[in-house]
Amino acid sequence: MTSDLFIKSLPAVIKQLIAREAAENRRSVNQEAIALLEEALMQRIESHHLRRKSTLAALEDYAAAAARRPGDPIADDMGTPASAY
């Protein structure tokens, strides 16, 4: 599916940079803008995935450490009785 995208009030410096990149990559300005948007979106997706993964890993590490400490309220909330340690 394709659709038109219009960008209002594009700063001149951004337009110049896109035009320069387009010339270097032998693309039209529109093709280059699409390529740059795709790259930015991929980086955002990867960054979000890594951030989410590292956040989850940090929480799991914290929970595991809490499970090793008797009487820790986190361990108690996880359903493991503190007396089991």
Protein backbone atom coordinates (compact mmCIF):
# COMPACT_ATOMS: atom_id res chain seq x y z
CA MET A 1 0.00 0.00 0.00
CA THR A 2 1.33 3.41 -0.88
CA SER A 3 0.09 6.84 0.02
CA ASP A 4 1.25 10.40 -0.40
CA LEU A 5 3.09 12.13 2.38
CA PHE A 6 3.31 15.89 2.49
CA ILE A 7 5.60 17.60 4.96
CA LYS A 8 4.67 21.17 5.75
CA SER A 9 7.33 23.71 6.66
CA LEU A 10 10.30 21.39 6.15
CA PRO A 11 13.36 23.27 7.41
CA ALA A 12 15.66 24.25 4.54
CA VAL A 13 18.69 22.58 6.12
CA ILE A 14 16.88 19.23 6.27
CA LYS A 15 15.77 19.56 2.67
CA GLN A 16 19.37 20.36 1.64
CA LEU A 17 20.73 17.38 3.56
CA ILE A 18 18.20 15.03 2.01
CA ALA A 19 19.03 16.39 -1.45
CA ARG A 20 22.75 15.89 -0.80
CA GLU A 21 22.22 12.33 0.40
CA ALA A 22 19.99 11.66 -2.60
CA ALA A 23 22.70 12.80 -5.00
CA GLU A 24 25.34 10.67 -3.25
CA ASN A 25 23.06 7.60 -3.38
CA ARG A 26 21.79 8.26 -6.90
CA ARG A 27 18.20 8.54 -5.77
CA SER A 28 15.47 11.11 -6.18
CA VAL A 29 14.81 13.34 -3.19
CA ASN A 30 11.57 11.43 -2.57
CA GLN A 31 13.33 8.04 -2.75
CA GLU A 32 16.01 9.27 -0.37
CA ALA A 33 13.43 10.66 2.07
CA ILE A 34 11.66 7.28 2.07
CA ALA A 35 14.97 5.45 2.61
CA LEU A 36 15.86 7.76 5.51
CA LEU A 37 12.44 7.30 7.10
CA GLU A 38 12.76 3.52 6.76
CA GLU A 39 16.21 3.59 8.40
CA ALA A 40 14.96 5.79 11.23
CA LEU A 41 11.97 3.53 11.84
CA MET A 42 14.15 0.42 11.87
CA GLN A 43 16.49 2.05 14.40
CA ARG A 44 13.54 3.02 16.55
CA ILE A 45 12.15 -0.51 16.43
CA GLU A 46 15.55 -2.02 17.29
CA SER A 47 16.12 0.52 20.05
CA HIS A 48 12.69 -0.07 21.53
CA HIS A 49 13.17 -3.84 21.36
CA LEU A 50 16.59 -3.66 23.02
CA ARG A 51 15.36 -1.19 25.65
CA ARG A 52 12.36 -3.39 26.40
CA LYS A 53 14.52 -6.51 26.48
CA SER A 54 17.11 -4.89 28.77
CA THR A 55 14.36 -3.54 31.05
CA LEU A 56 12.79 -6.97 31.29
CA ALA A 57 16.19 -8.55 31.97
CA ALA A 58 16.90 -5.99 34.70
CA LEU A 59 13.53 -6.68 36.34
CA GLU A 60 14.11 -10.43 36.16
CA ASP A 61 17.57 -10.01 37.71
CA TYR A 62 16.11 -7.84 40.47
CA ALA A 63 13.35 -10.37 41.13
CA ALA A 64 15.86 -13.23 41.23
CA ALA A 65 18.03 -11.33 43.69
CA ALA A 66 14.99 -10.60 45.85
CA ALA A 67 14.07 -14.28 45.84
CA ARG A 68 17.44 -15.03 47.45
CA ARG A 69 16.81 -12.60 50.35
CA PRO A 70 14.59 -13.99 53.14
CA GLY A 71 11.78 -11.69 54.16
CA ASP A 72 12.11 -9.48 51.10
CA PRO A 73 8.67 -8.10 50.20
CA ILE A 74 9.39 -8.63 46.48
CA ALA A 75 10.06 -12.31 47.14
CA ASP A 76 6.91 -12.51 49.22
CA ASP A 77 4.86 -10.87 46.44
CA MET A 78 6.22 -13.36 43.94
CA GLY A 79 4.38 -16.10 45.80
CA THR A 80 7.45 -17.64 47.37
CA PRO A 81 7.16 -17.78 51.13
CA ALA A 82 10.07 -16.09 52.87
CA SER A 83 10.33 -19.12 55.14
CA ALA A 84 11.31 -21.24 52.15
CA TYR A 85 14.79 -19.73 52.17
